[in-house]
Amino acid sequence: MVDTYLTISAPSEGLYKDRGSRFISFAYPAYSENEIKQYLHELKKKYYDARHHCYACRLGVTGELWRAADDGEPSGSAGKPILGQLLSNNLTNIVVFVVRYFGGVKLGVPGLINAYRSAAADAIHNAVIVEMEDKDGFSVEFSYMAMNSVMKIIKEEQPEMLKQEFDTVCRIELRIRRSLSESLKNKLLLIENGEVKIED
């Protein structure tokens, strides 16, 4: 199971110029389509006088959700070259926008492909690429009697403990790498007389 992925740690910018046209690029870590829409809205507001606002994104641990938008440029000449940079750097949970100011000279499709690819590459080059873990969060409910057994397993498996409540019924919120999650849940459920319940 894949439970790590590469993304960028913070927003970054890049620039490419060709025959008077300026291609300003912006890379952002992103985890939802709503986030991407918000970034696009902000860029269109800020660069309202630009001719095109093209982008590509990949979401999910393996980049299973993706989109490439040409925003009025010839089909495949903007979004796809940007997406190509995300794929060649193996990045996901990321969006890269390229805002174009037209300089008066048409670049032709090969020129556009090169410009959008180069602008996207510059933003990625200026970013810090980080490896992230995909984690699974769940809560464990158990009786006070099972406290020692539960804590022993938690100590061995070392998940993150997000929240703890110890009362007549105890509750702990945990988070752990997705590939280790099932094993941890199974060990907790095997505790005898612990009345252990797990909620995702």
C-alpha atoms as a PDB file:
ATOM      1  CA  MET A   1       0.000   0.000   0.000  1.00  0.00           C
ATOM      2  CA  VAL A   2       1.306   3.448  -0.952  1.00  0.00           C
ATOM      3  CA  ASP A   3       1.147   5.710   2.086  1.00  0.00           C
ATOM      4  CA  THR A   4       3.771   8.339   1.308  1.00  0.00           C
ATOM      5  CA  TYR A   5       3.748  10.956  -1.402  1.00  0.00           C
ATOM      6  CA  LEU A   6       5.739  13.971  -2.579  1.00  0.00           C
ATOM      7  CA  THR A   7       4.309  17.486  -2.477  1.00  0.00           C
ATOM      8  CA  ILE A   8       5.565  21.009  -1.796  1.00  0.00           C
ATOM      9  CA  SER A   9       5.845  22.457   1.689  1.00  0.00           C
ATOM     10  CA  ALA A  10       4.685  26.003   0.864  1.00  0.00           C
ATOM     11  CA  PRO A  11       3.555  28.180  -2.071  1.00  0.00           C
ATOM     12  CA  SER A  12       6.197  29.233  -4.615  1.00  0.00           C
ATOM     13  CA  GLU A  13       6.388  31.308  -7.795  1.00  0.00           C
ATOM     14  CA  GLY A  14       8.187  31.181 -11.134  1.00  0.00           C
ATOM     15  CA  LEU A  15       8.461  33.158 -14.364  1.00  0.00           C
ATOM     16  CA  TYR A  16       9.123  32.546 -18.052  1.00  0.00           C
ATOM     17  CA  LYS A  17       9.297  35.158 -20.832  1.00  0.00           C
ATOM     18  CA  ASP A  18       9.141  34.675 -24.584  1.00  0.00           C
ATOM     19  CA  ARG A  19       8.845  37.371 -27.286  1.00  0.00           C
ATOM     20  CA  GLY A  20       7.125  39.868 -25.004  1.00  0.00           C
ATOM     21  CA  SER A  21       4.716  37.369 -23.382  1.00  0.00           C
ATOM     22  CA  ARG A  22       5.104  36.836 -19.644  1.00  0.00           C
ATOM     23  CA  PHE A  23       4.126  33.552 -18.002  1.00  0.00           C
ATOM     24  CA  ILE A  24       3.931  33.934 -14.205  1.00  0.00           C
ATOM     25  CA  SER A  25       3.583  30.635 -12.342  1.00  0.00           C
ATOM     26  CA  PHE A  26       2.259  29.844  -8.872  1.00  0.00           C
ATOM     27  CA  ALA A  27       2.500  26.462  -7.120  1.00  0.00           C
ATOM     28  CA  TYR A  28       0.422  25.665  -4.011  1.00  0.00           C
ATOM     29  CA  PRO A  29       0.030  22.575  -1.843  1.00  0.00           C
ATOM     30  CA  ALA A  30      -3.675  21.638  -2.220  1.00  0.00           C
ATOM     31  CA  TYR A  31      -5.863  18.893  -0.796  1.00  0.00           C
ATOM     32  CA  SER A  32      -9.325  19.598  -2.256  1.00  0.00           C
ATOM     33  CA  GLU A  33     -11.013  20.960  -5.353  1.00  0.00           C
ATOM     34  CA  ASN A  34     -12.547  23.747  -3.248  1.00  0.00           C
ATOM     35  CA  GLU A  35      -9.077  24.912  -2.220  1.00  0.00           C
ATOM     36  CA  ILE A  36      -8.043  24.988  -5.888  1.00  0.00           C
ATOM     37  CA  LYS A  37     -11.169  26.997  -6.836  1.00  0.00           C
ATOM     38  CA  GLN A  38     -10.353  29.493  -4.085  1.00  0.00           C
ATOM     39  CA  TYR A  39      -6.758  29.952  -5.315  1.00  0.00           C
ATOM     40  CA  LEU A  40      -8.007  30.392  -8.897  1.00  0.00           C
ATOM     41  CA  HIS A  41     -10.569  32.973  -7.785  1.00  0.00           C
ATOM     42  CA  GLU A  42      -7.877  34.948  -5.913  1.00  0.00           C
ATOM     43  CA  LEU A  43      -5.454  34.840  -8.878  1.00  0.00           C
ATOM     44  CA  LYS A  44      -8.144  35.952 -11.353  1.00  0.00           C
ATOM     45  CA  LYS A  45      -8.973  38.851  -9.033  1.00  0.00           C
ATOM     46  CA  LYS A  46      -5.322  39.870  -8.599  1.00  0.00           C
ATOM     47  CA  TYR A  47      -4.296  39.342 -12.253  1.00  0.00           C
ATOM     48  CA  TYR A  48      -7.649  40.418 -13.730  1.00  0.00           C
ATOM     49  CA  ASP A  49      -5.940  41.978 -16.770  1.00  0.00           C
ATOM     50  CA  ALA A  50      -4.079  38.772 -17.773  1.00  0.00           C
ATOM     51  CA  ARG A  51      -5.315  37.008 -20.903  1.00  0.00           C
ATOM     52  CA  HIS A  52      -5.171  33.409 -19.604  1.00  0.00           C
ATOM     53  CA  HIS A  53      -5.212  31.682 -16.184  1.00  0.00           C
ATOM     54  CA  CYS A  54      -4.222  28.066 -16.960  1.00  0.00           C
ATOM     55  CA  TYR A  55      -3.528  25.326 -14.433  1.00  0.00           C
ATOM     56  CA  ALA A  56      -3.065  21.653 -13.650  1.00  0.00           C
ATOM     57  CA  CYS A  57      -3.515  19.783 -10.386  1.00  0.00           C
ATOM     58  CA  ARG A  58      -3.129  16.311  -8.898  1.00  0.00           C
ATOM     59  CA  LEU A  59      -4.912  15.213  -5.719  1.00  0.00           C
ATOM     60  CA  GLY A  60      -4.777  12.012  -3.663  1.00  0.00           C
ATOM     61  CA  VAL A  61      -1.883   9.881  -2.475  1.00  0.00           C
ATOM     62  CA  THR A  62      -1.241   8.459  -5.937  1.00  0.00           C
ATOM     63  CA  GLY A  63      -2.459  11.539  -7.840  1.00  0.00           C
ATOM     64  CA  GLU A  64      -5.604   9.636  -8.876  1.00  0.00           C
ATOM     65  CA  LEU A  65      -7.616  12.865  -9.241  1.00  0.00           C
ATOM     66  CA  TRP A  66      -6.187  15.282 -11.762  1.00  0.00           C
ATOM     67  CA  ARG A  67      -7.218  18.151 -13.995  1.00  0.00           C
ATOM     68  CA  ALA A  68      -5.598  20.269 -16.724  1.00  0.00           C
ATOM     69  CA  ALA A  69      -7.213  23.547 -17.891  1.00  0.00           C
ATOM     70  CA  ASP A  70      -6.176  25.516 -20.988  1.00  0.00           C
ATOM     71  CA  ASP A  71      -8.416  28.552 -20.269  1.00  0.00           C
ATOM     72  CA  GLY A  72      -8.767  29.625 -23.901  1.00  0.00           C
ATOM     73  CA  GLU A  73      -5.311  28.603 -25.132  1.00  0.00           C
ATOM     74  CA  PRO A  74      -5.248  26.016 -27.991  1.00  0.00           C
ATOM     75  CA  SER A  75      -6.291  22.592 -26.674  1.00  0.00           C
ATOM     76  CA  GLY A  76      -3.438  20.751 -24.935  1.00  0.00           C
ATOM     77  CA  SER A  77      -0.998  23.673 -25.158  1.00  0.00           C
ATOM     78  CA  ALA A  78      -1.191  24.884 -21.523  1.00  0.00           C
ATOM     79  CA  GLY A  79      -2.796  22.570 -18.959  1.00  0.00           C
ATOM     80  CA  LYS A  80      -1.125  19.380 -20.267  1.00  0.00           C
ATOM     81  CA  PRO A  81       2.468  20.751 -20.218  1.00  0.00           C
ATOM     82  CA  ILE A  82       1.863  22.010 -16.644  1.00  0.00           C
ATOM     83  CA  LEU A  83       0.489  18.581 -15.675  1.00  0.00           C
ATOM     84  CA  GLY A  84       3.532  16.991 -17.311  1.00  0.00           C
ATOM     85  CA  GLN A  85       5.764  18.812 -14.824  1.00  0.00           C
ATOM     86  CA  LEU A  86       3.724  17.478 -11.884  1.00  0.00           C
ATOM     87  CA  LEU A  87       4.041  13.951 -13.295  1.00  0.00           C
ATOM     88  CA  SER A  88       7.757  14.139 -14.070  1.00  0.00           C
ATOM     89  CA  ASN A  89       8.452  15.395 -10.521  1.00  0.00           C
ATOM     90  CA  ASN A  90       6.036  12.771  -9.107  1.00  0.00           C
ATOM     91  CA  LEU A  91       4.135  15.442  -7.142  1.00  0.00           C
ATOM     92  CA  THR A  92       0.568  15.203  -5.842  1.00  0.00           C
ATOM     93  CA  ASN A  93      -1.732  17.254  -3.592  1.00  0.00           C
ATOM     94  CA  ILE A  94      -0.522  20.245  -5.587  1.00  0.00           C
ATOM     95  CA  VAL A  95      -1.844  22.792  -8.068  1.00  0.00           C
ATOM     96  CA  VAL A  96       0.253  24.934 -10.436  1.00  0.00           C
ATOM     97  CA  PHE A  97      -1.284  27.984 -12.133  1.00  0.00           C
ATOM     98  CA  VAL A  98       0.319  29.911 -14.983  1.00  0.00           C
ATOM     99  CA  VAL A  99      -0.976  33.420 -15.663  1.00  0.00           C
ATOM    100  CA  ARG A 100      -0.164  34.721 -19.163  1.00  0.00           C
ATOM    101  CA  TYR A 101       0.231  38.305 -20.272  1.00  0.00           C
ATOM    102  CA  PHE A 102       0.228  38.407 -24.078  1.00  0.00           C
ATOM    103  CA  GLY A 103       3.145  40.307 -25.606  1.00  0.00           C
ATOM    104  CA  GLY A 104       1.765  40.885 -29.096  1.00  0.00           C
ATOM    105  CA  VAL A 105       3.560  38.042 -30.889  1.00  0.00           C
ATOM    106  CA  LYS A 106       1.822  34.664 -31.338  1.00  0.00           C
ATOM    107  CA  LEU A 107       4.052  31.826 -30.119  1.00  0.00           C
ATOM    108  CA  GLY A 108       2.334  28.947 -31.924  1.00  0.00           C
ATOM    109  CA  VAL A 109       1.411  25.682 -30.191  1.00  0.00           C
ATOM    110  CA  PRO A 110       5.032  24.391 -29.778  1.00  0.00           C
ATOM    111  CA  GLY A 111       6.032  27.795 -28.324  1.00  0.00           C
ATOM    112  CA  LEU A 112       3.097  27.749 -25.905  1.00  0.00           C
ATOM    113  CA  ILE A 113       3.813  24.177 -24.790  1.00  0.00           C
ATOM    114  CA  ASN A 114       7.417  25.150 -24.065  1.00  0.00           C
ATOM    115  CA  ALA A 115       6.402  28.366 -22.270  1.00  0.00           C
ATOM    116  CA  TYR A 116       3.796  26.747 -19.976  1.00  0.00           C
ATOM    117  CA  ARG A 117       6.101  23.810 -19.255  1.00  0.00           C
ATOM    118  CA  SER A 118       9.046  26.131 -18.470  1.00  0.00           C
ATOM    119  CA  ALA A 119       6.970  28.442 -16.245  1.00  0.00           C
ATOM    120  CA  ALA A 120       5.564  25.460 -14.269  1.00  0.00           C
ATOM    121  CA  ALA A 121       9.072  23.950 -13.958  1.00  0.00           C
ATOM    122  CA  ASP A 122      10.393  27.243 -12.548  1.00  0.00           C
ATOM    123  CA  ALA A 123       7.715  27.405  -9.799  1.00  0.00           C
ATOM    124  CA  ILE A 124       8.435  23.764  -8.868  1.00  0.00           C
ATOM    125  CA  HIS A 125      12.196  24.419  -8.947  1.00  0.00           C
ATOM    126  CA  ASN A 126      11.677  27.310  -6.477  1.00  0.00           C
ATOM    127  CA  ALA A 127       9.586  25.170  -4.106  1.00  0.00           C
ATOM    128  CA  VAL A 128      10.705  22.854  -1.317  1.00  0.00           C
ATOM    129  CA  ILE A 129       9.632  19.277  -2.144  1.00  0.00           C
ATOM    130  CA  VAL A 130       8.736  17.167   0.901  1.00  0.00           C
ATOM    131  CA  GLU A 131       7.732  13.555   1.490  1.00  0.00           C
ATOM    132  CA  MET A 132       4.478  13.265   3.438  1.00  0.00           C
ATOM    133  CA  GLU A 133       2.803  10.273   5.056  1.00  0.00           C
ATOM    134  CA  ASP A 134      -0.827   9.438   4.364  1.00  0.00           C
ATOM    135  CA  LYS A 135      -2.396   8.829   7.772  1.00  0.00           C
ATOM    136  CA  ASP A 136      -5.552   7.183   9.027  1.00  0.00           C
ATOM    137  CA  GLY A 137      -7.295   8.670  12.063  1.00  0.00           C
ATOM    138  CA  PHE A 138      -9.739   6.798  14.306  1.00  0.00           C
ATOM    139  CA  SER A 139     -10.968   6.719  17.896  1.00  0.00           C
ATOM    140  CA  VAL A 140     -10.822   3.826  20.351  1.00  0.00           C
ATOM    141  CA  GLU A 141     -13.358   3.414  23.142  1.00  0.00           C
ATOM    142  CA  PHE A 142     -12.676   0.938  25.943  1.00  0.00           C
ATOM    143  CA  SER A 143     -13.461   0.150  29.571  1.00  0.00           C
ATOM    144  CA  TYR A 144     -11.196   1.352  32.384  1.00  0.00           C
ATOM    145  CA  MET A 145     -10.254  -2.314  32.989  1.00  0.00           C
ATOM    146  CA  ALA A 146      -8.555  -2.473  29.582  1.00  0.00           C
ATOM    147  CA  MET A 147      -6.468   0.674  30.101  1.00  0.00           C
ATOM    148  CA  ASN A 148      -3.109  -1.086  30.667  1.00  0.00           C
ATOM    149  CA  SER A 149      -3.523  -3.411  27.675  1.00  0.00           C
ATOM    150  CA  VAL A 150      -4.523  -0.537  25.378  1.00  0.00           C
ATOM    151  CA  MET A 151      -1.644   1.693  26.518  1.00  0.00           C
ATOM    152  CA  LYS A 152       0.841  -1.188  26.096  1.00  0.00           C
ATOM    153  CA  ILE A 153      -0.218  -1.627  22.439  1.00  0.00           C
ATOM    154  CA  ILE A 154      -0.083   2.139  21.845  1.00  0.00           C
ATOM    155  CA  LYS A 155       3.427   2.231  23.294  1.00  0.00           C
ATOM    156  CA  GLU A 156       4.532  -0.611  20.985  1.00  0.00           C
ATOM    157  CA  GLU A 157       2.879   0.696  17.794  1.00  0.00           C
ATOM    158  CA  GLN A 158       3.548   4.393  18.436  1.00  0.00           C
ATOM    159  CA  PRO A 159       0.582   6.097  16.748  1.00  0.00           C
ATOM    160  CA  GLU A 160       0.043   9.822  17.341  1.00  0.00           C
ATOM    161  CA  MET A 161      -2.348  10.445  20.252  1.00  0.00           C
ATOM    162  CA  LEU A 162      -4.572  13.392  19.358  1.00  0.00           C
ATOM    163  CA  LYS A 163      -6.986  13.393  22.289  1.00  0.00           C
ATOM    164  CA  GLN A 164      -7.550  11.369  25.468  1.00  0.00           C
ATOM    165  CA  GLU A 165     -10.512  11.089  27.832  1.00  0.00           C
ATOM    166  CA  PHE A 166     -10.266   8.758  30.809  1.00  0.00           C
ATOM    167  CA  ASP A 167     -13.548   8.246  32.642  1.00  0.00           C
ATOM    168  CA  THR A 168     -15.791   5.253  33.298  1.00  0.00           C
ATOM    169  CA  VAL A 169     -15.536   4.791  29.543  1.00  0.00           C
ATOM    170  CA  CYS A 170     -12.166   5.783  28.110  1.00  0.00           C
ATOM    171  CA  ARG A 171     -11.655   7.261  24.666  1.00  0.00           C
ATOM    172  CA  ILE A 172      -8.461   7.992  22.707  1.00  0.00           C
ATOM    173  CA  GLU A 173      -8.161   9.532  19.266  1.00  0.00           C
ATOM    174  CA  LEU A 174      -5.241   8.091  17.295  1.00  0.00           C
ATOM    175  CA  ARG A 175      -3.556   8.676  13.957  1.00  0.00           C
ATOM    176  CA  ILE A 176      -1.080   6.364  12.231  1.00  0.00           C
ATOM    177  CA  ARG A 177       0.374   5.675   8.758  1.00  0.00           C
ATOM    178  CA  ARG A 178      -2.350   4.087   6.657  1.00  0.00           C
ATOM    179  CA  SER A 179      -0.312   0.931   5.954  1.00  0.00           C
ATOM    180  CA  LEU A 180      -0.009   0.253   9.710  1.00  0.00           C
ATOM    181  CA  SER A 181      -3.600   1.136  10.582  1.00  0.00           C
ATOM    182  CA  GLU A 182      -5.326  -2.265  10.140  1.00  0.00           C
ATOM    183  CA  SER A 183      -2.715  -4.076  12.224  1.00  0.00           C
ATOM    184  CA  LEU A 184      -3.116  -1.579  15.101  1.00  0.00           C
ATOM    185  CA  LYS A 185      -6.918  -1.812  14.993  1.00  0.00           C
ATOM    186  CA  ASN A 186      -6.798  -5.634  15.016  1.00  0.00           C
ATOM    187  CA  LYS A 187      -4.461  -5.720  18.034  1.00  0.00           C
ATOM    188  CA  LEU A 188      -6.750  -3.361  19.961  1.00  0.00           C
ATOM    189  CA  LEU A 189      -9.861  -5.383  19.088  1.00  0.00           C
ATOM    190  CA  LEU A 190      -8.198  -8.579  20.361  1.00  0.00           C
ATOM    191  CA  ILE A 191      -7.925  -7.235  23.933  1.00  0.00           C
ATOM    192  CA  GLU A 192     -10.000  -9.542  26.137  1.00  0.00           C
ATOM    193  CA  ASN A 193     -12.859  -8.162  28.265  1.00  0.00           C
ATOM    194  CA  GLY A 194     -11.853  -4.687  27.168  1.00  0.00           C
ATOM    195  CA  GLU A 195     -15.107  -3.920  25.369  1.00  0.00           C
ATOM    196  CA  VAL A 196     -12.970  -2.167  22.778  1.00  0.00           C
ATOM    197  CA  LYS A 197     -14.830  -0.281  20.048  1.00  0.00           C
ATOM    198  CA  ILE A 198     -13.223   1.486  17.101  1.00  0.00           C
ATOM    199  CA  GLU A 199     -14.791   4.325  15.167  1.00  0.00           C
ATOM    200  CA  ASP A 200     -13.309   5.662  11.904  1.00  0.00           C
END
